[in-house]
């Protein structure tokens, strides 16, 4: 599986799920659909399970985590994240900047 195939498949899954749903990629990473694009994020190391910072799934990340991402695609795990839903609810409409 290529990085682009993974991103496309993950985006397709998340677009079809309720707002605020995140893909629990592993114990330290999630991804969610923000209404216009896929967002990857690291979870807080302090054990709070809170989202700490966004990241780009560049070649470096893909090479290091490809087996884990492919395993996730084979057995996807999702969760409802109230913080993501709150962010999406507070965001202006996508067309607002047009």
PDB file of N, CA and C in Angstrom:
ATOM      1  N   UNK A   1       0.850  -1.172   0.000  1.00  0.00           N
ATOM      2  CA  UNK A   1       0.000   0.000   0.000  1.00  0.00           C
ATOM      3  C   UNK A   1       0.897   1.237   0.000  1.00  0.00           C
ATOM      4  N   UNK A   2       0.543   2.198  -0.810  1.00  0.00           N
ATOM      5  CA  UNK A   2       1.294   3.448  -0.837  1.00  0.00           C
ATOM      6  C   UNK A   2       0.709   4.428   0.179  1.00  0.00           C
ATOM      7  N   UNK A   3       1.465   5.471   0.459  1.00  0.00           N
ATOM      8  CA  UNK A   3       0.979   6.510   1.371  1.00  0.00           C
ATOM      9  C   UNK A   3      -0.301   7.133   0.828  1.00  0.00           C
ATOM     10  N   UNK A   4      -0.320   7.448  -0.471  1.00  0.00           N
ATOM     11  CA  UNK A   4      -1.508   8.065  -1.067  1.00  0.00           C
ATOM     12  C   UNK A   4      -2.726   7.150  -0.984  1.00  0.00           C
ATOM     13  N   UNK A   5      -2.535   5.855  -1.201  1.00  0.00           N
ATOM     14  CA  UNK A   5      -3.651   4.910  -1.096  1.00  0.00           C
ATOM     15  C   UNK A   5      -4.189   4.873   0.332  1.00  0.00           C
ATOM     16  N   UNK A   6      -3.281   4.863   1.302  1.00  0.00           N
ATOM     17  CA  UNK A   6      -3.695   4.859   2.703  1.00  0.00           C
ATOM     18  C   UNK A   6      -4.497   6.111   3.035  1.00  0.00           C
ATOM     19  N   UNK A   7      -3.978   7.266   2.648  1.00  0.00           N
ATOM     20  CA  UNK A   7      -4.644   8.534   2.945  1.00  0.00           C
ATOM     21  C   UNK A   7      -6.016   8.582   2.277  1.00  0.00           C
ATOM     22  N   UNK A   8      -6.109   8.155   1.027  1.00  0.00           N
ATOM     23  CA  UNK A   8      -7.397   8.162   0.320  1.00  0.00           C
ATOM     24  C   UNK A   8      -8.406   7.243   0.993  1.00  0.00           C
ATOM     25  N   UNK A   9      -7.974   6.044   1.355  1.00  0.00           N
ATOM     26  CA  UNK A   9      -8.887   5.090   1.979  1.00  0.00           C
ATOM     27  C   UNK A   9      -9.340   5.583   3.357  1.00  0.00           C
ATOM     28  N   UNK A  10      -8.416   6.119   4.128  1.00  0.00           N
ATOM     29  CA  UNK A  10      -8.752   6.637   5.451  1.00  0.00           C
ATOM     30  C   UNK A  10      -9.706   7.823   5.343  1.00  0.00           C
ATOM     31  N   UNK A  11      -9.435   8.732   4.427  1.00  0.00           N
ATOM     32  CA  UNK A  11     -10.314   9.895   4.237  1.00  0.00           C
ATOM     33  C   UNK A  11     -11.715   9.454   3.843  1.00  0.00           C
ATOM     34  N   UNK A  12     -11.812   8.474   2.965  1.00  0.00           N
ATOM     35  CA  UNK A  12     -13.117   7.977   2.533  1.00  0.00           C
ATOM     36  C   UNK A  12     -13.899   7.410   3.724  1.00  0.00           C
ATOM     37  N   UNK A  13     -13.223   6.663   4.581  1.00  0.00           N
ATOM     38  CA  UNK A  13     -13.889   6.093   5.756  1.00  0.00           C
ATOM     39  C   UNK A  13     -14.385   7.196   6.689  1.00  0.00           C
ATOM     40  N   UNK A  14     -13.519   8.148   7.002  1.00  0.00           N
ATOM     41  CA  UNK A  14     -13.871   9.183   7.972  1.00  0.00           C
ATOM     42  C   UNK A  14     -14.953  10.123   7.460  1.00  0.00           C
ATOM     43  N   UNK A  15     -14.976  10.395   6.166  1.00  0.00           N
ATOM     44  CA  UNK A  15     -16.019  11.272   5.610  1.00  0.00           C
ATOM     45  C   UNK A  15     -17.405  10.682   5.804  1.00  0.00           C
ATOM     46  N   UNK A  16     -17.484   9.355   5.860  1.00  0.00           N
ATOM     47  CA  UNK A  16     -18.777   8.678   5.989  1.00  0.00           C
ATOM     48  C   UNK A  16     -19.225   8.497   7.441  1.00  0.00           C
ATOM     49  N   UNK A  17     -18.397   8.874   8.396  1.00  0.00           N
ATOM     50  CA  UNK A  17     -18.717   8.697   9.814  1.00  0.00           C
ATOM     51  C   UNK A  17     -19.174  10.022  10.425  1.00  0.00           C
ATOM     52  N   UNK A  18     -19.822   9.981  11.584  1.00  0.00           N
ATOM     53  CA  UNK A  18     -20.293  11.219  12.223  1.00  0.00           C
ATOM     54  C   UNK A  18     -19.144  12.184  12.530  1.00  0.00           C
ATOM     55  N   UNK A  19     -19.463  13.472  12.526  1.00  0.00           N
ATOM     56  CA  UNK A  19     -18.466  14.491  12.884  1.00  0.00           C
ATOM     57  C   UNK A  19     -17.912  14.199  14.269  1.00  0.00           C
ATOM     58  N   UNK A  20     -16.631  14.444  14.435  1.00  0.00           N
ATOM     59  CA  UNK A  20     -15.986  14.201  15.721  1.00  0.00           C
ATOM     60  C   UNK A  20     -15.404  12.813  15.851  1.00  0.00           C
ATOM     61  N   UNK A  21     -15.596  11.973  14.835  1.00  0.00           N
ATOM     62  CA  UNK A  21     -15.043  10.626  14.865  1.00  0.00           C
ATOM     63  C   UNK A  21     -13.582  10.677  14.447  1.00  0.00           C
ATOM     64  N   UNK A  22     -12.752   9.963  15.175  1.00  0.00           N
ATOM     65  CA  UNK A  22     -11.325   9.888  14.861  1.00  0.00           C
ATOM     66  C   UNK A  22     -10.938   8.442  14.611  1.00  0.00           C
ATOM     67  N   UNK A  23      -9.972   8.272  13.741  1.00  0.00           N
ATOM     68  CA  UNK A  23      -9.365   6.966  13.519  1.00  0.00           C
ATOM     69  C   UNK A  23      -8.246   6.824  14.543  1.00  0.00           C
ATOM     70  N   UNK A  24      -8.345   5.830  15.396  1.00  0.00           N
ATOM     71  CA  UNK A  24      -7.308   5.585  16.403  1.00  0.00           C
ATOM     72  C   UNK A  24      -6.224   4.731  15.753  1.00  0.00           C
ATOM     73  N   UNK A  25      -5.246   5.384  15.136  1.00  0.00           N
ATOM     74  CA  UNK A  25      -4.243   4.693  14.333  1.00  0.00           C
ATOM     75  C   UNK A  25      -3.320   3.831  15.174  1.00  0.00           C
ATOM     76  N   UNK A  26      -2.990   4.277  16.359  1.00  0.00           N
ATOM     77  CA  UNK A  26      -2.232   3.504  17.340  1.00  0.00           C
ATOM     78  C   UNK A  26      -2.326   4.232  18.674  1.00  0.00           C
ATOM     79  N   UNK A  27      -1.495   3.860  19.630  1.00  0.00           N
ATOM     80  CA  UNK A  27      -1.610   4.449  20.967  1.00  0.00           C
ATOM     81  C   UNK A  27      -1.156   5.906  21.032  1.00  0.00           C
ATOM     82  N   UNK A  28      -0.521   6.405  19.980  1.00  0.00           N
ATOM     83  CA  UNK A  28      -0.035   7.787  20.038  1.00  0.00           C
ATOM     84  C   UNK A  28      -0.463   8.648  18.851  1.00  0.00           C
ATOM     85  N   UNK A  29      -1.282   8.118  17.935  1.00  0.00           N
ATOM     86  CA  UNK A  29      -1.699   8.881  16.755  1.00  0.00           C
ATOM     87  C   UNK A  29      -3.162   8.653  16.423  1.00  0.00           C
ATOM     88  N   UNK A  30      -3.810   9.731  15.986  1.00  0.00           N
ATOM     89  CA  UNK A  30      -5.179   9.660  15.480  1.00  0.00           C
ATOM     90  C   UNK A  30      -5.248  10.459  14.183  1.00  0.00           C
ATOM     91  N   UNK A  31      -6.353  10.293  13.484  1.00  0.00           N
ATOM     92  CA  UNK A  31      -6.642  11.109  12.306  1.00  0.00           C
ATOM     93  C   UNK A  31      -8.132  11.407  12.325  1.00  0.00           C
ATOM     94  N   UNK A  32      -8.507  12.574  11.801  1.00  0.00           N
ATOM     95  CA  UNK A  32      -9.924  12.931  11.715  1.00  0.00           C
ATOM     96  C   UNK A  32     -10.155  13.775  10.476  1.00  0.00           C
ATOM     97  N   UNK A  33     -11.413  13.818  10.043  1.00  0.00           N
ATOM     98  CA  UNK A  33     -11.824  14.610   8.883  1.00  0.00           C
ATOM     99  C   UNK A  33     -12.329  15.945   9.404  1.00  0.00           C
ATOM    100  N   UNK A  34     -11.727  17.053   8.949  1.00  0.00           N
ATOM    101  CA  UNK A  34     -12.123  18.369   9.466  1.00  0.00           C
ATOM    102  C   UNK A  34     -13.186  19.055   8.614  1.00  0.00           C
ATOM    103  N   UNK A  35     -13.754  18.327   7.687  1.00  0.00           N
ATOM    104  CA  UNK A  35     -14.775  18.890   6.807  1.00  0.00           C
ATOM    105  C   UNK A  35     -14.260  19.175   5.418  1.00  0.00           C
ATOM    106  N   UNK A  36     -12.931  19.302   5.292  1.00  0.00           N
ATOM    107  CA  UNK A  36     -12.351  19.540   3.974  1.00  0.00           C
ATOM    108  C   UNK A  36     -11.085  18.736   3.723  1.00  0.00           C
ATOM    109  N   UNK A  37     -10.453  18.242   4.782  1.00  0.00           N
ATOM    110  CA  UNK A  37      -9.240  17.451   4.597  1.00  0.00           C
ATOM    111  C   UNK A  37      -8.993  16.555   5.810  1.00  0.00           C
ATOM    112  N   UNK A  38      -8.112  15.605   5.598  1.00  0.00           N
ATOM    113  CA  UNK A  38      -7.717  14.675   6.645  1.00  0.00           C
ATOM    114  C   UNK A  38      -6.647  15.331   7.513  1.00  0.00           C
ATOM    115  N   UNK A  39      -6.798  15.216   8.823  1.00  0.00           N
ATOM    116  CA  UNK A  39      -5.835  15.783   9.767  1.00  0.00           C
ATOM    117  C   UNK A  39      -5.255  14.637  10.590  1.00  0.00           C
ATOM    118  N   UNK A  40      -3.928  14.560  10.646  1.00  0.00           N
ATOM    119  CA  UNK A  40      -3.236  13.585  11.483  1.00  0.00           C
ATOM    120  C   UNK A  40      -2.736  14.309  12.724  1.00  0.00           C
ATOM    121  N   UNK A  41      -2.812  13.646  13.887  1.00  0.00           N
ATOM    122  CA  UNK A  41      -2.397  14.302  15.126  1.00  0.00           C
ATOM    123  C   UNK A  41      -1.782  13.298  16.096  1.00  0.00           C
ATOM    124  N   UNK A  42      -0.808  13.794  16.846  1.00  0.00           N
ATOM    125  CA  UNK A  42      -0.214  13.019  17.929  1.00  0.00           C
ATOM    126  C   UNK A  42      -1.052  13.210  19.184  1.00  0.00           C
ATOM    127  N   UNK A  43      -1.103  12.170  20.009  1.00  0.00           N
ATOM    128  CA  UNK A  43      -1.783  12.258  21.297  1.00  0.00           C
ATOM    129  C   UNK A  43      -0.790  12.683  22.371  1.00  0.00           C
ATOM    130  N   UNK A  44      -1.291  13.289  23.403  1.00  0.00           N
ATOM    131  CA  UNK A  44      -0.492  13.772  24.521  1.00  0.00           C
ATOM    132  C   UNK A  44       0.220  12.604  25.202  1.00  0.00           C
ATOM    133  N   UNK A  45       1.472  12.801  25.538  1.00  0.00           N
ATOM    134  CA  UNK A  45       2.248  11.748  26.198  1.00  0.00           C
ATOM    135  C   UNK A  45       1.930  11.616  27.682  1.00  0.00           C
ATOM    136  N   UNK A  46       1.202  12.551  28.234  1.00  0.00           N
ATOM    137  CA  UNK A  46       0.924  12.537  29.674  1.00  0.00           C
ATOM    138  C   UNK A  46      -0.202  11.577  30.055  1.00  0.00           C
ATOM    139  N   UNK A  47      -0.663  10.786  29.114  1.00  0.00           N
ATOM    140  CA  UNK A  47      -1.684   9.805  29.428  1.00  0.00           C
ATOM    141  C   UNK A  47      -3.097  10.345  29.464  1.00  0.00           C
ATOM    142  N   UNK A  48      -3.295  11.570  29.010  1.00  0.00           N
ATOM    143  CA  UNK A  48      -4.636  12.150  29.037  1.00  0.00           C
ATOM    144  C   UNK A  48      -5.456  11.751  27.822  1.00  0.00           C
ATOM    145  N   UNK A  49      -4.807  11.203  26.807  1.00  0.00           N
ATOM    146  CA  UNK A  49      -5.461  10.808  25.558  1.00  0.00           C
ATOM    147  C   UNK A  49      -5.942  12.028  24.764  1.00  0.00           C
ATOM    148  N   UNK A  50      -5.489  13.216  25.159  1.00  0.00           N
ATOM    149  CA  UNK A  50      -5.861  14.441  24.444  1.00  0.00           C
ATOM    150  C   UNK A  50      -4.983  14.603  23.205  1.00  0.00           C
ATOM    151  N   UNK A  51      -5.518  15.272  22.215  1.00  0.00           N
ATOM    152  CA  UNK A  51      -4.741  15.549  21.010  1.00  0.00           C
ATOM    153  C   UNK A  51      -3.751  16.658  21.324  1.00  0.00           C
ATOM    154  N   UNK A  52      -2.480  16.420  20.989  1.00  0.00           N
ATOM    155  CA  UNK A  52      -1.433  17.381  21.329  1.00  0.00           C
ATOM    156  C   UNK A  52      -1.058  18.271  20.147  1.00  0.00           C
ATOM    157  N   UNK A  53      -0.735  17.677  18.988  1.00  0.00           N
ATOM    158  CA  UNK A  53      -0.363  18.503  17.847  1.00  0.00           C
ATOM    159  C   UNK A  53      -0.600  17.758  16.539  1.00  0.00           C
ATOM    160  N   UNK A  54      -0.922  18.528  15.511  1.00  0.00           N
ATOM    161  CA  UNK A  54      -1.111  17.976  14.173  1.00  0.00           C
ATOM    162  C   UNK A  54       0.245  17.684  13.544  1.00  0.00           C
ATOM    163  N   UNK A  55       0.251  16.776  12.584  1.00  0.00           N
ATOM    164  CA  UNK A  55       1.473  16.511  11.832  1.00  0.00           C
ATOM    165  C   UNK A  55       1.113  16.134  10.408  1.00  0.00           C
ATOM    166  N   UNK A  56       2.085  16.286   9.516  1.00  0.00           N
ATOM    167  CA  UNK A  56       1.928  15.876   8.124  1.00  0.00           C
ATOM    168  C   UNK A  56       2.435  14.459   7.977  1.00  0.00           C
ATOM    169  N   UNK A  57       1.727  13.663   7.207  1.00  0.00           N
ATOM    170  CA  UNK A  57       2.162  12.291   6.969  1.00  0.00           C
ATOM    171  C   UNK A  57       3.112  12.303   5.768  1.00  0.00           C
ATOM    172  N   UNK A  58       4.321  12.776   6.018  1.00  0.00           N
ATOM    173  CA  UNK A  58       5.323  12.871   4.965  1.00  0.00           C
ATOM    174  C   UNK A  58       6.019  11.522   4.790  1.00  0.00           C
ATOM    175  N   UNK A  59       7.010  11.488   3.914  1.00  0.00           N
ATOM    176  CA  UNK A  59       7.718  10.236   3.642  1.00  0.00           C
ATOM    177  C   UNK A  59       8.350   9.652   4.899  1.00  0.00           C
ATOM    178  N   UNK A  60       8.908  10.507   5.739  1.00  0.00           N
ATOM    179  CA  UNK A  60       9.561  10.041   6.960  1.00  0.00           C
ATOM    180  C   UNK A  60       8.567   9.326   7.870  1.00  0.00           C
ATOM    181  N   UNK A  61       7.442   9.946   8.127  1.00  0.00           N
ATOM    182  CA  UNK A  61       6.416   9.340   8.986  1.00  0.00           C
ATOM    183  C   UNK A  61       5.893   8.062   8.345  1.00  0.00           C
ATOM    184  N   UNK A  62       5.618   8.108   7.043  1.00  0.00           N
ATOM    185  CA  UNK A  62       5.080   6.939   6.353  1.00  0.00           C
ATOM    186  C   UNK A  62       6.036   5.763   6.461  1.00  0.00           C
ATOM    187  N   UNK A  63       7.322   5.979   6.205  1.00  0.00           N
ATOM    188  CA  UNK A  63       8.290   4.879   6.253  1.00  0.00           C
ATOM    189  C   UNK A  63       8.372   4.263   7.643  1.00  0.00           C
ATOM    190  N   UNK A  64       8.354   5.089   8.669  1.00  0.00           N
ATOM    191  CA  UNK A  64       8.447   4.575  10.042  1.00  0.00           C
ATOM    192  C   UNK A  64       7.185   3.841  10.491  1.00  0.00           C
ATOM    193  N   UNK A  65       6.031   4.288  10.039  1.00  0.00           N
ATOM    194  CA  UNK A  65       4.768   3.777  10.565  1.00  0.00           C
ATOM    195  C   UNK A  65       3.955   2.965   9.562  1.00  0.00           C
ATOM    196  N   UNK A  66       4.473   2.732   8.369  1.00  0.00           N
ATOM    197  CA  UNK A  66       3.704   2.026   7.341  1.00  0.00           C
ATOM    198  C   UNK A  66       3.117   0.701   7.828  1.00  0.00           C
ATOM    199  N   UNK A  67       3.889  -0.184   8.480  1.00  0.00           N
ATOM    200  CA  UNK A  67       3.284  -1.447   8.940  1.00  0.00           C
ATOM    201  C   UNK A  67       2.111  -1.226   9.901  1.00  0.00           C
ATOM    202  N   UNK A  68       2.246  -0.271  10.812  1.00  0.00           N
ATOM    203  CA  UNK A  68       1.156   0.005  11.759  1.00  0.00           C
ATOM    204  C   UNK A  68      -0.067   0.547  11.035  1.00  0.00           C
ATOM    205  N   UNK A  69       0.137   1.438  10.068  1.00  0.00           N
ATOM    206  CA  UNK A  69      -0.982   1.997   9.311  1.00  0.00           C
ATOM    207  C   UNK A  69      -1.678   0.915   8.484  1.00  0.00           C
ATOM    208  N   UNK A  70      -0.903   0.021   7.884  1.00  0.00           N
ATOM    209  CA  UNK A  70      -1.497  -1.073   7.105  1.00  0.00           C
ATOM    210  C   UNK A  70      -2.270  -2.023   8.010  1.00  0.00           C
ATOM    211  N   UNK A  71      -1.762  -2.290   9.202  1.00  0.00           N
ATOM    212  CA  UNK A  71      -2.498  -3.122  10.167  1.00  0.00           C
ATOM    213  C   UNK A  71      -3.798  -2.445  10.573  1.00  0.00           C
ATOM    214  N   UNK A  72      -3.766  -1.124  10.733  1.00  0.00           N
ATOM    215  CA  UNK A  72      -4.977  -0.399  11.099  1.00  0.00           C
ATOM    216  C   UNK A  72      -6.025  -0.524   9.993  1.00  0.00           C
ATOM    217  N   UNK A  73      -5.619  -0.385   8.742  1.00  0.00           N
ATOM    218  CA  UNK A  73      -6.561  -0.513   7.617  1.00  0.00           C
ATOM    219  C   UNK A  73      -7.216  -1.890   7.637  1.00  0.00           C
ATOM    220  N   UNK A  74      -6.456  -2.917   8.005  1.00  0.00           N
ATOM    221  CA  UNK A  74      -6.997  -4.281   8.049  1.00  0.00           C
ATOM    222  C   UNK A  74      -8.013  -4.444   9.180  1.00  0.00           C
ATOM    223  N   UNK A  75      -7.837  -3.710  10.274  1.00  0.00           N
ATOM    224  CA  UNK A  75      -8.745  -3.775  11.431  1.00  0.00           C
ATOM    225  C   UNK A  75      -8.933  -2.370  11.996  1.00  0.00           C
ATOM    226  N   UNK A  76      -9.730  -1.541  11.325  1.00  0.00           N
ATOM    227  CA  UNK A  76      -9.861  -0.148  11.761  1.00  0.00           C
ATOM    228  C   UNK A  76     -10.542   0.004  13.120  1.00  0.00           C
ATOM    229  N   UNK A  77     -10.062   0.990  13.870  1.00  0.00           N
ATOM    230  CA  UNK A  77     -10.617   1.326  15.179  1.00  0.00           C
ATOM    231  C   UNK A  77     -10.921   2.825  15.173  1.00  0.00           C
ATOM    232  N   UNK A  78     -12.134   3.176  15.581  1.00  0.00           N
ATOM    233  CA  UNK A  78     -12.561   4.573  15.614  1.00  0.00           C
ATOM    234  C   UNK A  78     -13.032   4.925  17.017  1.00  0.00           C
ATOM    235  N   UNK A  79     -12.993   6.210  17.318  1.00  0.00           N
ATOM    236  CA  UNK A  79     -13.550   6.696  18.580  1.00  0.00           C
ATOM    237  C   UNK A  79     -14.200   8.049  18.331  1.00  0.00           C
ATOM    238  N   UNK A  80     -15.137   8.382  19.203  1.00  0.00           N
ATOM    239  CA  UNK A  80     -15.759   9.698  19.139  1.00  0.00           C
ATOM    240  C   UNK A  80     -14.969  10.601  20.070  1.00  0.00           C
ATOM    241  N   UNK A  81     -14.452  11.683  19.537  1.00  0.00           N
ATOM    242  CA  UNK A  81     -13.622  12.603  20.327  1.00  0.00           C
ATOM    243  C   UNK A  81     -14.342  13.927  20.492  1.00  0.00           C
ATOM    244  N   UNK A  82     -14.738  14.198  21.720  1.00  0.00           N
ATOM    245  CA  UNK A  82     -15.482  15.431  22.004  1.00  0.00           C
ATOM    246  C   UNK A  82     -14.681  16.674  21.645  1.00  0.00           C
ATOM    247  N   UNK A  83     -13.352  16.633  21.829  1.00  0.00           N
ATOM    248  CA  UNK A  83     -12.547  17.810  21.506  1.00  0.00           C
ATOM    249  C   UNK A  83     -12.562  18.089  20.006  1.00  0.00           C
ATOM    250  N   UNK A  84     -12.540  17.048  19.189  1.00  0.00           N
ATOM    251  CA  UNK A  84     -12.603  17.239  17.736  1.00  0.00           C
ATOM    252  C   UNK A  84     -13.964  17.809  17.353  1.00  0.00           C
ATOM    253  N   UNK A  85     -15.019  17.259  17.907  1.00  0.00           N
ATOM    254  CA  UNK A  85     -16.363  17.770  17.621  1.00  0.00           C
ATOM    255  C   UNK A  85     -16.481  19.239  18.034  1.00  0.00           C
ATOM    256  N   UNK A  86     -15.914  19.602  19.172  1.00  0.00           N
ATOM    257  CA  UNK A  86     -15.954  20.999  19.626  1.00  0.00           C
ATOM    258  C   UNK A  86     -15.188  21.902  18.669  1.00  0.00           C
ATOM    259  N   UNK A  87     -14.020  21.463  18.211  1.00  0.00           N
ATOM    260  CA  UNK A  87     -13.246  22.266  17.257  1.00  0.00           C
ATOM    261  C   UNK A  87     -14.026  22.466  15.973  1.00  0.00           C
ATOM    262  N   UNK A  88     -14.631  21.386  15.489  1.00  0.00           N
ATOM    263  CA  UNK A  88     -15.376  21.467  14.230  1.00  0.00           C
ATOM    264  C   UNK A  88     -16.618  22.335  14.382  1.00  0.00           C
ATOM    265  N   UNK A  89     -17.238  22.299  15.544  1.00  0.00           N
ATOM    266  CA  UNK A  89     -18.433  23.112  15.777  1.00  0.00           C
ATOM    267  C   UNK A  89     -18.098  24.598  15.871  1.00  0.00           C
ATOM    268  N   UNK A  90     -16.899  24.920  16.362  1.00  0.00           N
ATOM    269  CA  UNK A  90     -16.473  26.314  16.501  1.00  0.00           C
ATOM    270  C   UNK A  90     -15.874  26.892  15.226  1.00  0.00           C
ATOM    271  N   UNK A  91     -15.537  26.034  14.280  1.00  0.00           N
ATOM    272  CA  UNK A  91     -14.886  26.498  13.047  1.00  0.00           C
ATOM    273  C   UNK A  91     -15.885  27.230  12.160  1.00  0.00           C
ATOM    274  N   UNK A  92     -15.415  28.271  11.453  1.00  0.00           N
ATOM    275  CA  UNK A  92     -16.316  28.952  10.512  1.00  0.00           C
ATOM    276  C   UNK A  92     -16.635  28.034   9.341  1.00  0.00           C
ATOM    277  N   UNK A  93     -17.719  28.279   8.650  1.00  0.00           N
ATOM    278  CA  UNK A  93     -18.034  27.459   7.476  1.00  0.00           C
ATOM    279  C   UNK A  93     -16.885  27.500   6.472  1.00  0.00           C
ATOM    280  N   UNK A  94     -16.706  26.417   5.752  1.00  0.00           N
ATOM    281  CA  UNK A  94     -15.613  26.303   4.782  1.00  0.00           C
ATOM    282  C   UNK A  94     -15.650  27.445   3.774  1.00  0.00           C
ATOM    283  N   UNK A  95     -16.826  27.903   3.405  1.00  0.00           N
ATOM    284  CA  UNK A  95     -16.973  28.944   2.396  1.00  0.00           C
ATOM    285  C   UNK A  95     -16.729  30.341   2.963  1.00  0.00           C
ATOM    286  N   UNK A  96     -16.558  30.472   4.265  1.00  0.00           N
ATOM    287  CA  UNK A  96     -16.466  31.791   4.892  1.00  0.00           C
ATOM    288  C   UNK A  96     -15.294  32.616   4.375  1.00  0.00           C
ATOM    289  N   UNK A  97     -14.207  31.962   4.011  1.00  0.00           N
ATOM    290  CA  UNK A  97     -13.038  32.693   3.536  1.00  0.00           C
ATOM    291  C   UNK A  97     -13.060  32.988   2.059  1.00  0.00           C
ATOM    292  N   UNK A  98     -14.100  32.590   1.363  1.00  0.00           N
ATOM    293  CA  UNK A  98     -14.160  32.768  -0.091  1.00  0.00           C
ATOM    294  C   UNK A  98     -14.596  34.159  -0.439  1.00  0.00           C
TER     295      UNK A  98
END
